[in-house]
Amino acid sequence: MAGRTIVAGFLGAALLAAGCRDAVSPERRALGAPQLDAVAGSGIAFDTLNSTLNQRGDFFIKGFNPRSPHPGDAIIVSVFWVGSTNIIDSVTDHIARPGFPPVGNKYNLVEYVTAGGISMATYVATNVQNYPYPTPPNEDVLAVRANLSTVASGGIMMAAWSGVDGVFAQAMGAHRSGSGAASSEVLVGPGAIPVNAGALAYAVTMSNGMVGRIPPAGFGNMLTLGDGTARFVTEADTAVQANPGSVDPQWRWFYQDDPTCTPATPCTWLASVLALNRGGSAPPRTNRRWPRSARAAVR
């Protein structure tokens, strides 16, 4: 990786399914304390995250409990499912209350990749607005929903970041995806991309091998999840780079630990990486104040 890298790693959760926990040693999870740098705080900075797997239906939805992102944030959403075609009609946001009223921020498809009967898509929204903030206690939190054209099993992973350029076309940097299959220990990734000074690099991977992995060098682990029923695992890792250069995230997967991953039937991995550019100035943080009387009317 060219230039000095400031790692913005956030151990938001390590929620592996029981079967996956049994197969993964603590060493191979490589989960450590959050790594922060004071310089990163002056540009792009982590705000909040949430996620859900083990969903089945024609949509996946999750709220940013216990609080919504700051208005003006960028939100990265990765959607995972079992299937070989892109069945996502759209990604939308809503208020998490009866009827799920729509908020209306635009989520743009950045990468979709599929292989071996599993799929992963990543969307980005910038300068999100028009939801109650500060979040009323235990109510009216912002929720993100992946709308599907057919019933599927899967879930979503989402994280919000401040300091990203508020205009999507200016915020969006390079991005790419890759896939492959293996039955033994292997180093894999989507390939290298250029990254501007101060930009966020977001790398995400998915596999149907219920095994552990080591995160990419220079990245901090953000979120690791497993779905024992649908039988796949996911991980997202992040870094903020101080100087212009490139990132080449590579995970070391330990497929020999899953007896179903054999030379005759290797397990599949998917990987994507994207860069989000820092804003020249903070986007305006306007809010829509929802009267409490209106909120009470729908409960």
Protein backbone atom coordinates (compact mmCIF):
# COMPACT_ATOMS: atom_id res chain seq x y z
CA MET A 1 0.00 0.00 0.00
CA ALA A 2 1.50 3.31 -1.04
CA GLY A 3 1.75 6.11 1.47
CA ARG A 4 1.03 6.15 5.17
CA THR A 5 -2.28 4.60 6.09
CA ILE A 6 -4.47 5.66 8.98
CA VAL A 7 -6.53 2.67 10.03
CA ALA A 8 -10.15 3.40 10.85
CA GLY A 9 -10.97 -0.03 12.27
CA PHE A 10 -14.06 -0.44 14.39
CA LEU A 11 -14.93 -3.63 16.20
CA GLY A 12 -18.64 -3.09 15.92
CA ALA A 13 -19.51 -6.77 16.41
CA ALA A 14 -18.29 -10.29 15.97
CA LEU A 15 -21.52 -12.20 15.59
CA LEU A 16 -20.58 -15.52 14.05
CA ALA A 17 -23.18 -18.28 13.88
CA ALA A 18 -22.65 -21.16 16.26
CA GLY A 19 -21.36 -23.52 13.59
CA CYS A 20 -18.94 -20.89 12.39
CA ARG A 21 -17.72 -20.14 15.91
CA ASP A 22 -16.84 -23.78 16.40
CA ALA A 23 -14.72 -23.78 13.26
CA VAL A 24 -12.91 -20.49 13.81
CA SER A 25 -10.10 -20.10 16.30
CA PRO A 26 -9.65 -16.74 18.08
CA GLU A 27 -6.29 -16.32 16.38
CA ARG A 28 -7.75 -16.64 12.91
CA ARG A 29 -10.52 -14.14 13.60
CA ALA A 30 -7.79 -11.58 14.22
CA LEU A 31 -10.24 -9.25 15.97
CA GLY A 32 -8.54 -6.57 18.05
CA ALA A 33 -9.36 -3.33 19.79
CA PRO A 34 -10.60 -0.45 17.64
CA GLN A 35 -7.70 1.38 16.00
CA LEU A 36 -8.15 5.14 15.74
CA ASP A 37 -5.94 8.02 14.69
CA ALA A 38 -6.40 11.69 15.57
CA VAL A 39 -5.74 12.74 11.98
CA ALA A 40 -8.66 10.66 10.71
CA GLY A 41 -11.01 12.60 12.99
CA SER A 42 -10.43 15.78 11.02
CA GLY A 43 -11.76 14.19 7.82
CA ILE A 44 -13.77 11.01 7.32
CA ALA A 45 -14.77 9.39 10.60
CA PHE A 46 -16.90 6.42 11.61
CA ASP A 47 -20.33 7.26 13.02
CA THR A 48 -22.50 4.17 13.60
CA LEU A 49 -23.39 0.74 12.19
CA ASN A 50 -25.80 -2.16 12.40
CA SER A 51 -26.53 -5.39 10.56
CA THR A 52 -28.75 -8.42 10.28
CA LEU A 53 -28.52 -11.87 8.71
CA ASN A 54 -30.81 -14.92 9.00
CA GLN A 55 -33.62 -13.08 7.18
CA ARG A 56 -35.86 -14.67 4.59
CA GLY A 57 -38.43 -12.89 2.44
CA ASP A 58 -38.78 -10.47 -0.45
CA PHE A 59 -36.97 -7.75 1.51
CA PHE A 60 -34.29 -7.43 4.18
CA ILE A 61 -34.56 -4.52 6.64
CA LYS A 62 -32.64 -3.26 9.66
CA GLY A 63 -32.70 -0.11 11.79
CA PHE A 64 -29.70 1.83 13.02
CA ASN A 65 -30.54 0.98 16.64
CA PRO A 66 -30.10 2.58 19.09
CA ARG A 67 -29.61 5.85 17.18
CA SER A 68 -29.72 7.13 13.64
CA PRO A 69 -26.64 8.40 11.78
CA HIS A 70 -25.90 12.12 11.84
CA PRO A 71 -27.68 13.93 8.99
CA GLY A 72 -25.14 14.56 6.25
CA ASP A 73 -23.43 11.18 6.70
CA ALA A 74 -22.65 8.72 3.92
CA ILE A 75 -24.09 5.22 4.37
CA ILE A 76 -22.51 2.08 2.89
CA VAL A 77 -24.85 -0.91 2.64
CA SER A 78 -23.73 -4.43 1.68
CA VAL A 79 -26.48 -6.96 0.91
CA PHE A 80 -25.81 -10.72 1.02
CA TRP A 81 -28.03 -13.54 -0.20
CA VAL A 82 -28.12 -17.11 -1.47
CA GLY A 83 -28.62 -17.04 -5.24
CA SER A 84 -26.83 -16.42 -8.52
CA THR A 85 -28.69 -13.40 -9.95
CA ASN A 86 -29.08 -9.79 -8.84
CA ILE A 87 -32.57 -9.77 -7.34
CA ILE A 88 -32.31 -6.33 -5.68
CA ASP A 89 -34.91 -3.95 -7.15
CA SER A 90 -33.75 -1.08 -4.94
CA VAL A 91 -32.31 -0.11 -1.57
CA THR A 92 -34.40 2.45 0.31
CA ASP A 93 -34.55 4.03 3.76
CA HIS A 94 -37.49 4.35 6.12
CA ILE A 95 -38.52 5.38 9.60
CA ALA A 96 -38.68 2.29 11.82
CA ARG A 97 -42.25 2.55 12.97
CA PRO A 98 -45.56 1.02 11.83
CA GLY A 99 -45.92 1.32 8.09
CA PHE A 100 -42.20 2.11 7.66
CA PRO A 101 -42.74 5.58 6.10
CA PRO A 102 -40.13 6.25 3.40
CA VAL A 103 -37.36 8.82 3.92
CA GLY A 104 -36.22 9.16 0.31
CA ASN A 105 -32.42 9.16 0.27
CA LYS A 106 -30.92 7.65 -2.90
CA TYR A 107 -28.82 4.47 -2.57
CA ASN A 108 -26.59 3.88 -5.58
CA LEU A 109 -25.42 0.43 -6.66
CA VAL A 110 -21.61 0.40 -6.68
CA GLU A 111 -20.68 -3.29 -6.98
CA TYR A 112 -22.46 -6.61 -7.53
CA VAL A 113 -20.63 -9.93 -7.62
CA THR A 114 -21.83 -13.55 -7.68
CA ALA A 115 -20.26 -17.01 -7.89
CA GLY A 116 -20.92 -20.46 -6.50
CA GLY A 117 -24.57 -19.80 -5.68
CA ILE A 118 -24.01 -16.76 -3.42
CA SER A 119 -24.31 -13.03 -4.19
CA MET A 120 -23.21 -9.73 -2.69
CA ALA A 121 -24.07 -6.14 -3.65
CA THR A 122 -22.84 -2.86 -2.17
CA TYR A 123 -24.73 0.43 -2.29
CA VAL A 124 -23.79 3.96 -1.17
CA ALA A 125 -25.91 6.97 -0.20
CA THR A 126 -24.34 10.37 0.50
CA ASN A 127 -25.53 13.36 2.52
CA VAL A 128 -28.47 11.47 4.05
CA GLN A 129 -31.27 13.72 5.36
CA ASN A 130 -34.95 14.01 6.36
CA TYR A 131 -35.32 11.80 9.43
CA PRO A 132 -35.73 12.64 13.12
CA TYR A 133 -32.43 13.59 14.77
CA PRO A 134 -31.41 13.42 17.53
CA THR A 135 -33.10 10.03 17.63
CA PRO A 136 -35.99 9.90 20.13
CA PRO A 137 -35.31 7.14 22.70
CA ASN A 138 -36.22 3.71 21.30
CA GLU A 139 -38.28 5.12 18.42
CA ASP A 140 -38.16 6.57 14.91
CA VAL A 141 -34.69 5.27 14.10
CA LEU A 142 -33.53 5.32 10.46
CA ALA A 143 -33.87 1.88 8.82
CA VAL A 144 -32.39 0.59 5.55
CA ARG A 145 -34.29 -1.89 3.38
CA ALA A 146 -33.17 -4.03 0.43
CA ASN A 147 -36.22 -4.66 -1.79
CA LEU A 148 -36.01 -7.98 -3.65
CA SER A 149 -37.74 -9.26 -6.76
CA THR A 150 -38.10 -12.73 -5.23
CA VAL A 151 -37.92 -14.47 -1.86
CA ALA A 152 -34.37 -15.11 -0.69
CA SER A 153 -32.29 -15.85 2.42
CA GLY A 154 -29.67 -13.34 3.52
CA GLY A 155 -29.28 -9.98 5.19
CA ILE A 156 -27.60 -6.59 5.21
CA MET A 157 -24.60 -4.85 6.75
CA MET A 158 -24.61 -1.05 6.98
CA ALA A 159 -22.35 1.66 8.35
CA ALA A 160 -22.47 5.46 8.40
CA TRP A 161 -19.48 7.79 8.02
CA SER A 162 -19.13 11.54 8.49
CA GLY A 163 -16.84 13.74 6.41
CA VAL A 164 -17.58 12.10 3.04
CA ASP A 165 -18.30 14.44 0.12
CA GLY A 166 -22.04 15.10 0.02
CA VAL A 167 -22.31 14.77 -3.78
CA PHE A 168 -22.31 11.11 -4.82
CA ALA A 169 -20.43 11.66 -8.10
CA GLN A 170 -17.66 13.46 -6.23
CA ALA A 171 -17.66 11.11 -3.24
CA MET A 172 -17.38 7.93 -5.30
CA GLY A 173 -13.83 6.82 -6.02
CA ALA A 174 -12.54 3.64 -7.63
CA HIS A 175 -14.18 0.27 -6.97
CA ARG A 176 -13.93 -3.34 -8.13
CA SER A 177 -14.92 -6.92 -7.23
CA GLY A 178 -13.53 -10.42 -7.57
CA SER A 179 -14.47 -14.04 -6.85
CA GLY A 180 -12.96 -17.49 -6.77
CA ALA A 181 -12.99 -20.90 -5.10
CA ALA A 182 -10.58 -22.84 -2.90
CA SER A 183 -10.33 -25.83 -0.56
CA SER A 184 -7.18 -24.91 1.39
CA GLU A 185 -5.57 -21.87 2.98
CA VAL A 186 -5.56 -19.06 0.42
CA LEU A 187 -4.99 -15.31 0.13
CA VAL A 188 -7.77 -13.65 -1.90
CA GLY A 189 -9.10 -10.20 -2.77
CA PRO A 190 -10.80 -8.06 -5.41
CA GLY A 191 -7.57 -6.42 -6.61
CA ALA A 192 -5.98 -3.02 -6.05
CA ILE A 193 -7.66 0.36 -6.51
CA PRO A 194 -6.26 3.92 -6.36
CA VAL A 195 -7.27 5.93 -3.30
CA ASN A 196 -7.10 9.70 -2.82
CA ALA A 197 -5.61 11.37 0.23
CA GLY A 198 -8.05 11.23 3.14
CA ALA A 199 -10.40 8.78 1.39
CA LEU A 200 -12.13 5.86 3.06
CA ALA A 201 -11.37 2.39 1.71
CA TYR A 202 -14.17 -0.11 2.42
CA ALA A 203 -13.50 -3.79 1.74
CA VAL A 204 -16.09 -6.56 2.14
CA THR A 205 -15.99 -10.31 1.61
CA MET A 206 -18.45 -13.22 1.67
CA SER A 207 -18.00 -16.99 1.51
CA ASN A 208 -20.00 -20.20 1.73
CA GLY A 209 -17.08 -21.80 3.58
CA MET A 210 -17.81 -21.69 7.32
CA VAL A 211 -14.23 -20.91 8.29
CA GLY A 212 -12.12 -18.13 9.75
CA ARG A 213 -10.04 -15.53 8.00
CA ILE A 214 -7.40 -12.89 8.72
CA PRO A 215 -8.40 -9.32 7.75
CA PRO A 216 -6.42 -7.42 5.10
CA ALA A 217 -3.12 -5.91 6.21
CA GLY A 218 -3.50 -2.22 7.02
CA PHE A 219 -7.28 -2.50 7.53
CA GLY A 220 -9.25 -2.63 10.77
CA ASN A 221 -12.13 -5.05 11.23
CA MET A 222 -15.50 -3.30 11.21
CA LEU A 223 -18.00 -6.15 11.32
CA THR A 224 -17.96 -9.95 11.05
CA LEU A 225 -21.17 -11.98 10.69
CA GLY A 226 -22.24 -15.55 10.00
CA ASP A 227 -25.51 -17.20 8.98
CA GLY A 228 -25.46 -20.84 10.03
CA THR A 229 -28.83 -21.58 8.42
CA ALA A 230 -28.11 -20.16 4.95
CA ARG A 231 -24.49 -21.20 5.49
CA PHE A 232 -22.31 -18.23 4.68
CA VAL A 233 -20.03 -15.77 6.48
CA THR A 234 -19.29 -12.10 5.79
CA GLU A 235 -16.74 -9.50 6.89
CA ALA A 236 -16.21 -5.77 6.27
CA ASP A 237 -12.92 -3.97 6.96
CA THR A 238 -11.97 -0.32 6.58
CA ALA A 239 -9.03 2.07 6.36
CA VAL A 240 -8.59 5.82 5.87
CA GLN A 241 -5.46 6.70 3.92
CA ALA A 242 -3.59 9.90 4.74
CA ASN A 243 -1.70 10.13 1.44
CA PRO A 244 -2.70 9.33 -2.16
CA GLY A 245 -1.78 5.81 -3.20
CA SER A 246 -3.52 2.47 -3.55
CA VAL A 247 -5.11 -0.25 -1.46
CA ASP A 248 -5.15 -3.97 -2.22
CA PRO A 249 -7.23 -5.72 0.47
CA GLN A 250 -6.57 -9.45 0.75
CA TRP A 251 -8.08 -11.87 3.24
CA ARG A 252 -6.41 -15.13 4.25
CA TRP A 253 -9.17 -17.76 4.33
CA PHE A 254 -8.68 -21.16 6.02
CA TYR A 255 -10.87 -23.41 3.89
CA GLN A 256 -9.14 -26.58 5.05
CA ASP A 257 -11.08 -26.15 8.33
CA ASP A 258 -14.42 -26.85 6.61
CA PRO A 259 -14.77 -30.53 5.59
CA THR A 260 -17.24 -29.54 2.85
CA CYS A 261 -14.53 -27.50 1.09
CA THR A 262 -12.76 -30.15 -0.96
CA PRO A 263 -10.77 -30.11 -4.21
CA ALA A 264 -13.80 -31.68 -5.91
CA THR A 265 -16.24 -29.16 -4.38
CA PRO A 266 -14.26 -26.05 -3.37
CA CYS A 267 -15.88 -23.27 -1.38
CA THR A 268 -16.57 -19.89 -2.97
CA TRP A 269 -15.35 -16.45 -1.94
CA LEU A 270 -16.56 -13.02 -3.09
CA ALA A 271 -14.79 -9.71 -2.44
CA SER A 272 -15.38 -6.02 -3.20
CA VAL A 273 -13.54 -2.80 -2.43
CA LEU A 274 -14.53 0.83 -2.90
CA ALA A 275 -13.17 4.27 -2.03
CA LEU A 276 -15.17 7.26 -0.77
CA ASN A 277 -13.61 10.70 -1.02
CA ARG A 278 -13.43 13.26 1.73
CA GLY A 279 -15.62 16.35 1.38
CA GLY A 280 -14.13 19.78 0.79
CA SER A 281 -16.43 21.07 3.51
CA ALA A 282 -19.00 19.49 5.75
CA PRO A 283 -22.38 19.04 3.98
CA PRO A 284 -25.30 20.98 5.44
CA ARG A 285 -27.05 19.12 8.23
CA THR A 286 -30.70 20.01 7.86
CA ASN A 287 -33.33 18.08 9.76
CA ARG A 288 -36.99 17.47 9.46
CA ARG A 289 -38.44 17.76 12.96
CA TRP A 290 -41.23 15.26 13.32
CA PRO A 291 -43.82 16.53 15.85
CA ARG A 292 -44.28 14.09 18.72
CA SER A 293 -48.05 14.25 18.19
CA ALA A 294 -47.60 12.93 14.63
CA ARG A 295 -45.33 10.13 15.83
CA ALA A 296 -47.79 9.13 18.52
CA ALA A 297 -50.63 8.90 15.98
CA VAL A 298 -49.09 5.89 14.23
CA ARG A 299 -48.29 3.85 17.31
